[in-house]
Amino acid sequence: LAEQLLRFSPCVGPMPPDSIVAEIGRTRLPDHRLGDLVGQERSILERTRIRLKELGHSATVVIADDPETAHMLARWGGKSLVLTPGSGHQALATLPLNALSLPPAEQEFLQSLGITRIGEFTALPAAAIANRMGEVGVIAHAMARSQGPSRLISPWSDQNPLELSQALPDPVLELNALLFVLNSLLRDACSRLVTIGRAVCQLSLLFTLENGSQRLSIQLGEPT
C-alpha cells in the first residue's frame, strides 16, 4: 500500500499499526504529471482515498504541516481533511488524550487531573508541565500544539540501509524523554522492515550532541 503513494512522493513510509505517511509539501517530481505538488493537496487527498478504496481499503486521509499531526488526526479524528497551515493545534484540541501515546505514568497523572482531551492538556502552562512531568511532558505538550519533534521521512528504497531520524525542538536530558522518541522510531523501523520483507542484523544509533555526535552500534546474533 505504501508503494501506491510513490506516484505522489518518493518519501513514503508505513507508520504502525495501520497508517502510511508521505511527504508532499516540499517535494517536486520532475517527470510527474502533477509537477509541483504544492497547492494540490485536495486533489492528492481524493486521489489517495480513491486509489486505496479501489484496492479494498477504507482510508482516512489527512494532509497537515507535519506527519505527527496528520497521523493523530487520521487515526483519531475519523474524517479526511486538508488543514490550512498553522491550524494543526486547533484540529488536535478535540482529540482524546490517548492520541498522544504518552507513557502510562504520564497518562495516568494527567487523567488524575481530569484531563481527557488534548485541548485541555495544551491549556496547561508550559512551565507547569516542565516542573511536574519533565521532558516527556514538554515533548508531548509541543506535539499537542503541533510543534513537536519533526519526523524526517527518507526516500523509499528497498536496497539501501533503512534510515529513520527525528529532530527535537530542544536538547533532551532525561532518559525517559529520549526513550519516548526512540520507541516511536523503532516501531516505524519494524513496520517498514515487515513491509519490504527484510530483517536487520545491525542497528546503529546516531545522536547529535551539543559538542559533536556519538554513534552506538549493536550487532545482532541473527537477522531479526
N, C-alpha and C. Protein backbone atom coordinates (compact mmCIF):
# COMPACT_ATOMS: atom_id res chain seq x y z
N LEU A 1 0.83 -1.20 0.00
CA LEU A 1 0.00 0.00 0.00
C LEU A 1 0.87 1.26 0.00
N ALA A 2 1.99 1.21 0.75
CA ALA A 2 2.88 2.36 0.77
C ALA A 2 3.40 2.67 -0.63
N GLU A 3 3.67 1.63 -1.41
CA GLU A 3 4.18 1.83 -2.77
C GLU A 3 3.16 2.54 -3.66
N GLN A 4 1.88 2.44 -3.34
CA GLN A 4 0.86 3.10 -4.13
C GLN A 4 0.98 4.63 -4.04
N LEU A 5 1.60 5.11 -2.97
CA LEU A 5 1.73 6.55 -2.79
C LEU A 5 2.98 7.12 -3.43
N LEU A 6 3.80 6.26 -4.04
CA LEU A 6 5.00 6.75 -4.71
C LEU A 6 4.68 7.65 -5.90
N ARG A 7 3.46 7.57 -6.40
CA ARG A 7 3.06 8.45 -7.51
C ARG A 7 2.95 9.90 -7.05
N PHE A 8 2.85 10.12 -5.73
CA PHE A 8 2.73 11.47 -5.20
C PHE A 8 4.01 11.97 -4.56
N SER A 9 4.85 11.05 -4.07
CA SER A 9 6.06 11.46 -3.38
C SER A 9 7.02 10.29 -3.29
N PRO A 10 8.33 10.54 -3.41
CA PRO A 10 9.30 9.47 -3.19
C PRO A 10 9.55 9.21 -1.71
N CYS A 11 9.05 10.09 -0.84
CA CYS A 11 9.26 9.95 0.60
C CYS A 11 8.01 9.37 1.24
N VAL A 12 7.95 8.06 1.30
CA VAL A 12 6.77 7.35 1.80
C VAL A 12 7.22 6.32 2.82
N GLY A 13 6.45 6.14 3.86
CA GLY A 13 6.79 5.12 4.85
C GLY A 13 5.58 4.68 5.64
N PRO A 14 5.55 3.41 6.08
CA PRO A 14 4.47 2.94 6.94
C PRO A 14 4.64 3.46 8.36
N MET A 15 3.53 3.71 9.04
CA MET A 15 3.53 4.10 10.45
C MET A 15 2.63 3.12 11.18
N PRO A 16 3.19 2.29 12.04
CA PRO A 16 2.40 1.26 12.69
C PRO A 16 1.33 1.85 13.60
N PRO A 17 0.21 1.13 13.84
CA PRO A 17 -0.03 -0.21 13.31
C PRO A 17 -0.79 -0.24 11.98
N ASP A 18 -1.38 0.88 11.55
CA ASP A 18 -2.26 0.79 10.39
C ASP A 18 -2.25 2.07 9.55
N SER A 19 -1.10 2.74 9.48
CA SER A 19 -1.05 4.03 8.80
C SER A 19 0.12 4.11 7.83
N ILE A 20 0.01 5.05 6.90
CA ILE A 20 1.07 5.32 5.93
C ILE A 20 1.26 6.83 5.89
N VAL A 21 2.51 7.28 5.78
CA VAL A 21 2.79 8.71 5.71
C VAL A 21 3.59 9.00 4.45
N ALA A 22 3.30 10.13 3.82
CA ALA A 22 4.03 10.57 2.64
C ALA A 22 4.25 12.07 2.76
N GLU A 23 5.47 12.51 2.45
CA GLU A 23 5.77 13.94 2.48
C GLU A 23 5.53 14.53 1.09
N ILE A 24 4.65 15.53 1.02
CA ILE A 24 4.30 16.11 -0.28
C ILE A 24 4.59 17.60 -0.34
N GLY A 25 4.74 18.27 0.81
CA GLY A 25 4.82 19.73 0.82
C GLY A 25 6.06 20.29 0.17
N ARG A 26 7.21 19.61 0.34
CA ARG A 26 8.47 20.13 -0.20
C ARG A 26 9.01 19.23 -1.30
N THR A 27 8.12 18.50 -1.97
CA THR A 27 8.55 17.54 -2.98
C THR A 27 8.22 18.04 -4.38
N ARG A 28 9.17 17.90 -5.28
CA ARG A 28 8.91 18.20 -6.69
C ARG A 28 9.40 17.01 -7.51
N LEU A 29 8.49 16.44 -8.29
CA LEU A 29 8.82 15.29 -9.11
C LEU A 29 8.94 15.77 -10.56
N PRO A 30 10.16 15.86 -11.11
CA PRO A 30 10.38 16.48 -12.41
C PRO A 30 9.52 15.92 -13.53
N ASP A 31 9.40 14.59 -13.62
CA ASP A 31 8.67 13.98 -14.74
C ASP A 31 7.26 13.55 -14.34
N HIS A 32 6.78 14.03 -13.19
CA HIS A 32 5.48 13.61 -12.70
C HIS A 32 4.39 14.46 -13.32
N ARG A 33 3.25 13.86 -13.63
CA ARG A 33 2.20 14.61 -14.31
C ARG A 33 1.60 15.70 -13.42
N LEU A 34 1.76 15.56 -12.08
CA LEU A 34 1.26 16.60 -11.21
C LEU A 34 2.26 17.74 -11.07
N GLY A 35 3.52 17.51 -11.48
CA GLY A 35 4.53 18.54 -11.36
C GLY A 35 4.76 18.90 -9.91
N ASP A 36 4.77 20.22 -9.61
CA ASP A 36 4.94 20.68 -8.24
C ASP A 36 3.67 20.38 -7.46
N LEU A 37 3.78 19.61 -6.38
CA LEU A 37 2.61 19.15 -5.66
C LEU A 37 2.02 20.19 -4.72
N VAL A 38 2.78 21.24 -4.42
CA VAL A 38 2.28 22.27 -3.51
C VAL A 38 1.05 22.95 -4.13
N GLY A 39 -0.02 23.09 -3.33
CA GLY A 39 -1.24 23.71 -3.80
C GLY A 39 -2.24 22.73 -4.36
N GLN A 40 -1.89 21.46 -4.46
CA GLN A 40 -2.80 20.46 -5.00
C GLN A 40 -3.18 19.44 -3.93
N GLU A 41 -3.23 19.89 -2.68
CA GLU A 41 -3.47 18.98 -1.56
C GLU A 41 -4.83 18.28 -1.66
N ARG A 42 -5.88 19.03 -2.02
CA ARG A 42 -7.21 18.41 -2.10
C ARG A 42 -7.25 17.34 -3.18
N SER A 43 -6.61 17.59 -4.30
CA SER A 43 -6.55 16.60 -5.37
C SER A 43 -5.80 15.35 -4.91
N ILE A 44 -4.68 15.57 -4.21
CA ILE A 44 -3.89 14.44 -3.70
C ILE A 44 -4.71 13.63 -2.71
N LEU A 45 -5.43 14.31 -1.84
CA LEU A 45 -6.26 13.61 -0.85
C LEU A 45 -7.26 12.70 -1.54
N GLU A 46 -7.99 13.23 -2.52
CA GLU A 46 -9.02 12.43 -3.18
C GLU A 46 -8.41 11.30 -4.00
N ARG A 47 -7.29 11.57 -4.68
CA ARG A 47 -6.64 10.52 -5.47
C ARG A 47 -6.18 9.37 -4.56
N THR A 48 -5.63 9.75 -3.41
CA THR A 48 -5.15 8.72 -2.47
C THR A 48 -6.31 7.91 -1.93
N ARG A 49 -7.35 8.59 -1.50
CA ARG A 49 -8.50 7.90 -0.92
C ARG A 49 -9.15 6.96 -1.93
N ILE A 50 -9.31 7.44 -3.17
CA ILE A 50 -9.95 6.62 -4.21
C ILE A 50 -9.07 5.43 -4.58
N ARG A 51 -7.75 5.67 -4.67
CA ARG A 51 -6.84 4.58 -5.03
C ARG A 51 -6.88 3.47 -3.98
N LEU A 52 -6.86 3.83 -2.71
CA LEU A 52 -6.89 2.82 -1.66
C LEU A 52 -8.25 2.12 -1.62
N LYS A 53 -9.31 2.85 -1.94
CA LYS A 53 -10.64 2.23 -1.99
C LYS A 53 -10.70 1.19 -3.10
N GLU A 54 -10.07 1.49 -4.25
CA GLU A 54 -10.02 0.53 -5.36
C GLU A 54 -9.30 -0.75 -4.94
N LEU A 55 -8.36 -0.63 -4.01
CA LEU A 55 -7.62 -1.79 -3.53
C LEU A 55 -8.32 -2.50 -2.36
N GLY A 56 -9.52 -2.01 -2.02
CA GLY A 56 -10.32 -2.67 -0.99
C GLY A 56 -10.16 -2.13 0.41
N HIS A 57 -9.63 -0.90 0.54
CA HIS A 57 -9.39 -0.34 1.87
C HIS A 57 -10.16 0.96 2.06
N SER A 58 -10.76 1.12 3.22
CA SER A 58 -11.40 2.37 3.59
C SER A 58 -10.39 3.20 4.36
N ALA A 59 -10.00 4.34 3.82
CA ALA A 59 -8.91 5.11 4.40
C ALA A 59 -9.37 6.50 4.82
N THR A 60 -8.79 6.99 5.90
CA THR A 60 -8.93 8.38 6.31
C THR A 60 -7.64 9.09 5.93
N VAL A 61 -7.73 10.13 5.13
CA VAL A 61 -6.55 10.82 4.61
C VAL A 61 -6.52 12.24 5.17
N VAL A 62 -5.41 12.59 5.81
CA VAL A 62 -5.25 13.92 6.39
C VAL A 62 -3.95 14.52 5.88
N ILE A 63 -4.01 15.76 5.42
CA ILE A 63 -2.83 16.50 4.99
C ILE A 63 -2.62 17.65 5.96
N ALA A 64 -1.44 17.69 6.58
CA ALA A 64 -1.15 18.69 7.61
C ALA A 64 0.29 19.16 7.49
N ASP A 65 0.67 20.11 8.36
CA ASP A 65 2.02 20.67 8.33
C ASP A 65 3.09 19.65 8.67
N ASP A 66 2.77 18.70 9.56
CA ASP A 66 3.77 17.74 9.99
C ASP A 66 3.15 16.36 10.09
N PRO A 67 3.96 15.29 9.98
CA PRO A 67 3.43 13.93 9.97
C PRO A 67 2.72 13.53 11.25
N GLU A 68 3.21 13.97 12.42
CA GLU A 68 2.60 13.55 13.68
C GLU A 68 1.18 14.09 13.80
N THR A 69 0.97 15.34 13.42
CA THR A 69 -0.37 15.92 13.47
C THR A 69 -1.31 15.19 12.52
N ALA A 70 -0.83 14.94 11.30
CA ALA A 70 -1.65 14.23 10.32
C ALA A 70 -1.99 12.82 10.81
N HIS A 71 -0.99 12.16 11.41
CA HIS A 71 -1.19 10.79 11.88
C HIS A 71 -2.23 10.74 12.99
N MET A 72 -2.13 11.64 13.97
CA MET A 72 -3.09 11.63 15.07
C MET A 72 -4.51 11.93 14.59
N LEU A 73 -4.64 12.88 13.67
CA LEU A 73 -5.97 13.22 13.17
C LEU A 73 -6.56 12.11 12.32
N ALA A 74 -5.71 11.42 11.54
CA ALA A 74 -6.21 10.34 10.71
C ALA A 74 -6.69 9.16 11.57
N ARG A 75 -5.94 8.86 12.64
CA ARG A 75 -6.28 7.71 13.49
C ARG A 75 -7.43 8.00 14.43
N TRP A 76 -7.51 9.24 14.93
CA TRP A 76 -8.47 9.55 15.99
C TRP A 76 -9.56 10.53 15.57
N GLY A 77 -9.36 11.24 14.46
CA GLY A 77 -10.35 12.24 14.06
C GLY A 77 -11.54 11.69 13.30
N GLY A 78 -11.29 10.62 12.51
CA GLY A 78 -12.40 9.95 11.85
C GLY A 78 -12.85 10.52 10.53
N LYS A 79 -12.21 11.56 10.01
CA LYS A 79 -12.62 12.11 8.72
C LYS A 79 -11.42 12.64 7.96
N SER A 80 -11.51 12.59 6.64
CA SER A 80 -10.44 13.10 5.78
C SER A 80 -10.53 14.62 5.70
N LEU A 81 -9.38 15.28 5.70
CA LEU A 81 -9.38 16.73 5.61
C LEU A 81 -8.00 17.26 5.26
N VAL A 82 -7.99 18.49 4.76
CA VAL A 82 -6.76 19.23 4.49
C VAL A 82 -6.71 20.40 5.47
N LEU A 83 -5.67 20.45 6.30
CA LEU A 83 -5.55 21.54 7.26
C LEU A 83 -4.83 22.72 6.63
N THR A 84 -5.32 23.91 6.92
CA THR A 84 -4.61 25.10 6.48
C THR A 84 -3.35 25.24 7.33
N PRO A 85 -2.27 25.82 6.78
CA PRO A 85 -1.03 25.96 7.54
C PRO A 85 -1.24 26.67 8.88
N GLY A 86 -0.68 26.10 9.92
CA GLY A 86 -0.77 26.70 11.24
C GLY A 86 -2.01 26.37 12.04
N SER A 87 -2.91 25.54 11.49
CA SER A 87 -4.16 25.24 12.19
C SER A 87 -4.15 23.88 12.87
N GLY A 88 -2.99 23.22 12.90
CA GLY A 88 -2.92 21.87 13.46
C GLY A 88 -3.35 21.80 14.91
N HIS A 89 -2.91 22.77 15.73
CA HIS A 89 -3.23 22.72 17.16
C HIS A 89 -4.72 22.82 17.41
N GLN A 90 -5.44 23.58 16.58
CA GLN A 90 -6.89 23.70 16.74
C GLN A 90 -7.58 22.38 16.41
N ALA A 91 -7.11 21.71 15.36
CA ALA A 91 -7.71 20.44 14.99
C ALA A 91 -7.43 19.36 16.03
N LEU A 92 -6.23 19.40 16.63
CA LEU A 92 -5.87 18.39 17.61
C LEU A 92 -6.61 18.57 18.93
N ALA A 93 -7.09 19.77 19.21
CA ALA A 93 -7.66 20.08 20.53
C ALA A 93 -8.82 19.16 20.91
N THR A 94 -9.59 18.70 19.93
CA THR A 94 -10.78 17.89 20.24
C THR A 94 -10.47 16.41 20.39
N LEU A 95 -9.25 15.99 20.07
CA LEU A 95 -8.92 14.57 20.13
C LEU A 95 -8.73 14.12 21.57
N PRO A 96 -8.95 12.82 21.85
CA PRO A 96 -8.70 12.30 23.20
C PRO A 96 -7.22 12.32 23.53
N LEU A 97 -6.93 12.38 24.81
CA LEU A 97 -5.54 12.42 25.28
C LEU A 97 -4.75 11.20 24.81
N ASN A 98 -5.42 10.07 24.63
CA ASN A 98 -4.75 8.84 24.19
C ASN A 98 -4.03 9.01 22.86
N ALA A 99 -4.44 9.98 22.05
CA ALA A 99 -3.85 10.17 20.73
C ALA A 99 -2.36 10.53 20.83
N LEU A 100 -1.92 11.05 21.97
CA LEU A 100 -0.51 11.44 22.12
C LEU A 100 0.40 10.25 22.42
N SER A 101 -0.19 9.07 22.72
CA SER A 101 0.59 7.86 23.03
C SER A 101 1.60 8.11 24.15
N LEU A 102 1.16 8.76 25.20
CA LEU A 102 2.02 9.05 26.35
C LEU A 102 2.39 7.77 27.09
N PRO A 103 3.55 7.74 27.75
CA PRO A 103 3.87 6.62 28.64
C PRO A 103 2.80 6.51 29.73
N PRO A 104 2.57 5.30 30.27
CA PRO A 104 1.48 5.09 31.24
C PRO A 104 1.51 6.05 32.43
N ALA A 105 2.69 6.30 33.01
CA ALA A 105 2.76 7.16 34.21
C ALA A 105 2.26 8.57 33.91
N GLU A 106 2.70 9.14 32.79
CA GLU A 106 2.28 10.50 32.43
C GLU A 106 0.80 10.52 32.06
N GLN A 107 0.33 9.47 31.38
CA GLN A 107 -1.09 9.39 31.02
C GLN A 107 -1.96 9.36 32.28
N GLU A 108 -1.58 8.53 33.24
CA GLU A 108 -2.36 8.42 34.48
C GLU A 108 -2.33 9.71 35.28
N PHE A 109 -1.18 10.40 35.28
CA PHE A 109 -1.08 11.65 36.02
C PHE A 109 -2.06 12.69 35.46
N LEU A 110 -2.10 12.84 34.14
CA LEU A 110 -3.00 13.82 33.54
C LEU A 110 -4.46 13.43 33.74
N GLN A 111 -4.76 12.16 33.65
CA GLN A 111 -6.14 11.72 33.87
C GLN A 111 -6.57 11.97 35.31
N SER A 112 -5.62 11.86 36.24
CA SER A 112 -5.95 12.14 37.65
C SER A 112 -6.33 13.60 37.85
N LEU A 113 -5.88 14.46 36.94
CA LEU A 113 -6.24 15.88 36.99
C LEU A 113 -7.54 16.17 36.25
N GLY A 114 -8.16 15.12 35.71
CA GLY A 114 -9.41 15.29 34.98
C GLY A 114 -9.22 15.69 33.53
N ILE A 115 -8.00 15.54 33.00
CA ILE A 115 -7.71 15.93 31.62
C ILE A 115 -7.93 14.72 30.71
N THR A 116 -8.84 14.85 29.77
CA THR A 116 -9.16 13.75 28.85
C THR A 116 -8.99 14.15 27.38
N ARG A 117 -8.84 15.43 27.09
CA ARG A 117 -8.71 15.92 25.71
C ARG A 117 -7.39 16.66 25.54
N ILE A 118 -6.89 16.62 24.30
CA ILE A 118 -5.62 17.30 24.01
C ILE A 118 -5.74 18.80 24.26
N GLY A 119 -6.89 19.38 23.94
CA GLY A 119 -7.07 20.81 24.16
C GLY A 119 -6.94 21.20 25.62
N GLU A 120 -7.41 20.33 26.52
CA GLU A 120 -7.27 20.59 27.96
C GLU A 120 -5.81 20.52 28.38
N PHE A 121 -5.07 19.63 27.75
CA PHE A 121 -3.65 19.50 28.04
C PHE A 121 -2.87 20.73 27.57
N THR A 122 -3.16 21.20 26.36
CA THR A 122 -2.43 22.37 25.83
C THR A 122 -2.76 23.64 26.61
N ALA A 123 -3.90 23.66 27.30
CA ALA A 123 -4.27 24.84 28.08
C ALA A 123 -3.43 24.98 29.34
N LEU A 124 -2.76 23.91 29.75
CA LEU A 124 -1.91 23.99 30.93
C LEU A 124 -0.66 24.81 30.62
N PRO A 125 -0.16 25.59 31.58
CA PRO A 125 1.05 26.39 31.35
C PRO A 125 2.25 25.49 31.06
N ALA A 126 3.06 25.87 30.08
CA ALA A 126 4.22 25.08 29.70
C ALA A 126 5.19 24.92 30.88
N ALA A 127 5.33 25.95 31.70
CA ALA A 127 6.24 25.87 32.84
C ALA A 127 5.78 24.82 33.85
N ALA A 128 4.46 24.73 34.05
CA ALA A 128 3.93 23.75 34.99
C ALA A 128 4.15 22.33 34.47
N ILE A 129 4.01 22.16 33.16
CA ILE A 129 4.24 20.85 32.54
C ILE A 129 5.69 20.42 32.75
N ALA A 130 6.61 21.34 32.54
CA ALA A 130 8.03 21.02 32.70
C ALA A 130 8.35 20.63 34.14
N ASN A 131 7.75 21.34 35.10
CA ASN A 131 8.03 21.07 36.51
C ASN A 131 7.43 19.75 36.99
N ARG A 132 6.23 19.42 36.51
CA ARG A 132 5.52 18.25 37.02
C ARG A 132 5.77 16.99 36.21
N MET A 133 6.07 17.13 34.91
CA MET A 133 6.17 15.95 34.04
C MET A 133 7.54 15.79 33.40
N GLY A 134 8.42 16.78 33.54
CA GLY A 134 9.74 16.66 32.95
C GLY A 134 9.72 16.76 31.44
N GLU A 135 10.78 16.25 30.80
CA GLU A 135 10.94 16.42 29.35
C GLU A 135 9.93 15.62 28.54
N VAL A 136 9.46 14.49 29.07
CA VAL A 136 8.43 13.76 28.35
C VAL A 136 7.19 14.64 28.19
N GLY A 137 6.82 15.32 29.26
CA GLY A 137 5.68 16.22 29.20
C GLY A 137 5.91 17.38 28.26
N VAL A 138 7.14 17.92 28.26
CA VAL A 138 7.46 19.05 27.37
C VAL A 138 7.32 18.64 25.91
N ILE A 139 7.85 17.45 25.55
CA ILE A 139 7.76 16.98 24.18
C ILE A 139 6.30 16.74 23.79
N ALA A 140 5.55 16.08 24.68
CA ALA A 140 4.13 15.80 24.40
C ALA A 140 3.34 17.09 24.28
N HIS A 141 3.65 18.07 25.13
CA HIS A 141 2.95 19.36 25.10
C HIS A 141 3.20 20.06 23.76
N ALA A 142 4.45 19.97 23.26
CA ALA A 142 4.76 20.55 21.95
C ALA A 142 4.02 19.82 20.84
N MET A 143 3.95 18.47 20.92
CA MET A 143 3.21 17.70 19.93
C MET A 143 1.74 18.09 19.93
N ALA A 144 1.17 18.30 21.12
CA ALA A 144 -0.24 18.68 21.23
C ALA A 144 -0.52 20.03 20.59
N ARG A 145 0.50 20.90 20.56
CA ARG A 145 0.36 22.21 19.91
C ARG A 145 0.80 22.17 18.46
N SER A 146 1.06 20.95 17.93
CA SER A 146 1.51 20.77 16.56
C SER A 146 2.87 21.40 16.34
N GLN A 147 3.71 21.39 17.38
CA GLN A 147 5.05 21.95 17.30
C GLN A 147 6.09 20.97 17.84
N GLY A 148 5.78 19.69 17.79
CA GLY A 148 6.64 18.68 18.39
C GLY A 148 7.81 18.29 17.52
N PRO A 149 8.53 17.22 17.90
CA PRO A 149 9.67 16.74 17.12
C PRO A 149 9.26 16.46 15.69
N SER A 150 10.12 16.84 14.76
CA SER A 150 9.81 16.71 13.34
C SER A 150 10.35 15.39 12.81
N ARG A 151 9.44 14.49 12.43
CA ARG A 151 9.86 13.22 11.85
C ARG A 151 10.34 13.45 10.42
N LEU A 152 11.50 12.93 10.09
CA LEU A 152 12.06 13.07 8.76
C LEU A 152 11.80 11.78 7.99
N ILE A 153 11.14 11.89 6.84
CA ILE A 153 10.76 10.72 6.06
C ILE A 153 11.76 10.55 4.93
N SER A 154 12.48 9.46 4.96
CA SER A 154 13.52 9.21 3.96
C SER A 154 12.89 8.68 2.67
N PRO A 155 13.54 8.89 1.52
CA PRO A 155 13.03 8.36 0.26
C PRO A 155 12.88 6.85 0.31
N TRP A 156 11.85 6.35 -0.34
CA TRP A 156 11.57 4.92 -0.36
C TRP A 156 12.66 4.17 -1.08
N SER A 157 13.15 3.11 -0.45
CA SER A 157 14.14 2.27 -1.10
C SER A 157 14.15 0.92 -0.41
N ASP A 158 14.26 -0.16 -1.19
CA ASP A 158 14.40 -1.48 -0.60
C ASP A 158 15.82 -2.02 -0.80
N GLN A 159 16.74 -1.14 -1.20
CA GLN A 159 18.12 -1.56 -1.44
C GLN A 159 19.08 -0.96 -0.41
N ASN A 160 18.92 0.31 -0.11
CA ASN A 160 19.84 0.98 0.79
C ASN A 160 19.52 0.64 2.25
N PRO A 161 20.46 0.85 3.16
CA PRO A 161 20.16 0.65 4.59
C PRO A 161 18.98 1.52 5.02
N LEU A 162 18.14 0.97 5.87
CA LEU A 162 16.99 1.70 6.36
C LEU A 162 17.45 2.78 7.34
N GLU A 163 17.07 4.02 7.09
CA GLU A 163 17.45 5.13 7.95
C GLU A 163 16.21 5.92 8.35
N LEU A 164 16.03 6.10 9.65
CA LEU A 164 14.95 6.91 10.18
C LEU A 164 15.56 7.94 11.13
N SER A 165 15.00 9.14 11.14
CA SER A 165 15.54 10.17 12.02
C SER A 165 14.44 11.07 12.52
N GLN A 166 14.71 11.75 13.61
CA GLN A 166 13.74 12.67 14.18
C GLN A 166 14.49 13.82 14.83
N ALA A 167 14.07 15.04 14.49
CA ALA A 167 14.69 16.24 15.06
C ALA A 167 13.89 16.69 16.26
N LEU A 168 14.58 17.08 17.33
CA LEU A 168 13.93 17.54 18.55
C LEU A 168 14.01 19.06 18.65
N PRO A 169 12.96 19.71 19.15
CA PRO A 169 12.98 21.18 19.22
C PRO A 169 13.98 21.71 20.24
N ASP A 170 14.27 20.89 21.28
CA ASP A 170 15.20 21.31 22.33
C ASP A 170 16.08 20.13 22.71
N PRO A 171 17.24 20.39 23.33
CA PRO A 171 18.07 19.28 23.81
C PRO A 171 17.32 18.41 24.81
N VAL A 172 17.57 17.11 24.78
CA VAL A 172 16.93 16.16 25.69
C VAL A 172 17.96 15.71 26.72
N LEU A 173 17.59 15.81 27.98
CA LEU A 173 18.48 15.43 29.07
C LEU A 173 18.00 14.19 29.82
N GLU A 174 16.69 13.93 29.81
CA GLU A 174 16.13 12.82 30.57
C GLU A 174 16.03 11.56 29.71
N LEU A 175 16.36 10.42 30.31
CA LEU A 175 16.32 9.15 29.58
C LEU A 175 14.90 8.83 29.12
N ASN A 176 13.89 9.04 29.98
CA ASN A 176 12.52 8.70 29.60
C ASN A 176 12.06 9.48 28.37
N ALA A 177 12.49 10.73 28.28
CA ALA A 177 12.11 11.54 27.12
C ALA A 177 12.75 10.99 25.86
N LEU A 178 14.01 10.58 25.97
CA LEU A 178 14.70 10.00 24.81
C LEU A 178 14.04 8.69 24.39
N LEU A 179 13.69 7.85 25.37
CA LEU A 179 13.04 6.58 25.06
C LEU A 179 11.68 6.80 24.42
N PHE A 180 10.98 7.84 24.81
CA PHE A 180 9.67 8.19 24.24
C PHE A 180 9.81 8.41 22.73
N VAL A 181 10.88 9.09 22.32
CA VAL A 181 11.12 9.36 20.91
C VAL A 181 11.65 8.11 20.19
N LEU A 182 12.60 7.42 20.81
CA LEU A 182 13.20 6.24 20.17
C LEU A 182 12.17 5.12 19.97
N ASN A 183 11.23 4.99 20.90
CA ASN A 183 10.22 3.96 20.78
C ASN A 183 9.38 4.15 19.53
N SER A 184 9.06 5.41 19.22
CA SER A 184 8.29 5.70 18.01
C SER A 184 9.09 5.35 16.76
N LEU A 185 10.38 5.70 16.74
CA LEU A 185 11.21 5.38 15.58
C LEU A 185 11.39 3.88 15.42
N LEU A 186 11.52 3.16 16.53
CA LEU A 186 11.70 1.71 16.46
C LEU A 186 10.47 1.03 15.88
N ARG A 187 9.28 1.48 16.30
CA ARG A 187 8.04 0.92 15.74
C ARG A 187 7.99 1.14 14.23
N ASP A 188 8.38 2.34 13.80
CA ASP A 188 8.36 2.65 12.37
C ASP A 188 9.35 1.77 11.61
N ALA A 189 10.53 1.58 12.19
CA ALA A 189 11.55 0.75 11.53
C ALA A 189 11.07 -0.69 11.38
N CYS A 190 10.50 -1.25 12.43
CA CYS A 190 10.00 -2.62 12.36
C CYS A 190 8.89 -2.75 11.33
N SER A 191 8.00 -1.75 11.28
CA SER A 191 6.91 -1.80 10.32
C SER A 191 7.42 -1.76 8.89
N ARG A 192 8.42 -0.90 8.63
CA ARG A 192 8.93 -0.81 7.27
C ARG A 192 9.69 -2.08 6.87
N LEU A 193 10.41 -2.68 7.81
CA LEU A 193 11.11 -3.94 7.53
C LEU A 193 10.13 -5.04 7.14
N VAL A 194 9.00 -5.10 7.85
CA VAL A 194 7.96 -6.08 7.51
C VAL A 194 7.40 -5.78 6.12
N THR A 195 7.21 -4.48 5.83
CA THR A 195 6.63 -4.08 4.55
C THR A 195 7.49 -4.54 3.38
N ILE A 196 8.80 -4.41 3.50
CA ILE A 196 9.68 -4.75 2.38
C ILE A 196 10.24 -6.16 2.51
N GLY A 197 9.80 -6.92 3.52
CA GLY A 197 10.21 -8.31 3.66
C GLY A 197 11.68 -8.48 3.97
N ARG A 198 12.22 -7.64 4.85
CA ARG A 198 13.64 -7.72 5.18
C ARG A 198 13.82 -7.83 6.69
N ALA A 199 15.01 -8.22 7.11
CA ALA A 199 15.39 -8.29 8.52
C ALA A 199 16.63 -7.44 8.73
N VAL A 200 16.99 -7.24 9.99
CA VAL A 200 18.13 -6.40 10.31
C VAL A 200 19.15 -7.21 11.11
N CYS A 201 20.43 -7.03 10.82
CA CYS A 201 21.47 -7.70 11.60
C CYS A 201 22.38 -6.71 12.32
N GLN A 202 22.22 -5.43 12.06
CA GLN A 202 22.97 -4.43 12.82
C GLN A 202 22.12 -3.18 12.98
N LEU A 203 22.15 -2.63 14.17
CA LEU A 203 21.38 -1.43 14.48
C LEU A 203 22.34 -0.35 14.96
N SER A 204 22.27 0.82 14.35
CA SER A 204 23.14 1.93 14.74
C SER A 204 22.29 3.13 15.15
N LEU A 205 22.69 3.77 16.24
CA LEU A 205 22.03 4.99 16.71
C LEU A 205 23.03 6.13 16.62
N LEU A 206 22.63 7.19 15.95
CA LEU A 206 23.49 8.37 15.83
C LEU A 206 22.83 9.54 16.55
N PHE A 207 23.48 10.04 17.58
CA PHE A 207 22.96 11.15 18.37
C PHE A 207 23.74 12.41 18.05
N THR A 208 23.03 13.47 17.72
CA THR A 208 23.67 14.77 17.54
C THR A 208 23.68 15.49 18.88
N LEU A 209 24.86 15.80 19.37
CA LEU A 209 25.02 16.40 20.69
C LEU A 209 25.49 17.84 20.57
N GLU A 210 25.48 18.55 21.69
CA GLU A 210 25.90 19.95 21.67
C GLU A 210 27.37 20.08 21.30
N ASN A 211 28.16 19.08 21.65
CA ASN A 211 29.60 19.16 21.39
C ASN A 211 30.05 18.16 20.33
N GLY A 212 29.16 17.78 19.43
CA GLY A 212 29.52 16.85 18.36
C GLY A 212 28.44 15.80 18.17
N SER A 213 28.86 14.55 17.96
CA SER A 213 27.91 13.47 17.77
C SER A 213 28.49 12.18 18.35
N GLN A 214 27.61 11.21 18.56
CA GLN A 214 28.03 9.92 19.09
C GLN A 214 27.22 8.83 18.41
N ARG A 215 27.89 7.77 17.98
CA ARG A 215 27.23 6.65 17.32
C ARG A 215 27.38 5.40 18.18
N LEU A 216 26.29 4.70 18.38
CA LEU A 216 26.27 3.43 19.10
C LEU A 216 25.78 2.36 18.13
N SER A 217 26.51 1.25 18.03
CA SER A 217 26.14 0.16 17.11
C SER A 217 25.91 -1.12 17.89
N ILE A 218 24.88 -1.87 17.47
CA ILE A 218 24.55 -3.14 18.07
C ILE A 218 24.55 -4.19 16.99
N GLN A 219 25.39 -5.19 17.11
CA GLN A 219 25.44 -6.30 16.17
C GLN A 219 24.56 -7.42 16.71
N LEU A 220 23.55 -7.83 15.95
CA LEU A 220 22.63 -8.87 16.39
C LEU A 220 23.17 -10.24 16.02
N GLY A 221 22.78 -11.25 16.79
CA GLY A 221 23.29 -12.59 16.57
C GLY A 221 22.76 -13.23 15.29
N GLU A 222 21.56 -12.82 14.87
CA GLU A 222 20.97 -13.34 13.65
C GLU A 222 19.99 -12.31 13.10
N PRO A 223 19.67 -12.38 11.81
CA PRO A 223 18.71 -11.43 11.24
C PRO A 223 17.37 -11.49 11.99
N THR A 224 16.87 -10.32 12.36
CA THR A 224 15.69 -10.25 13.21
C THR A 224 14.69 -9.22 12.66
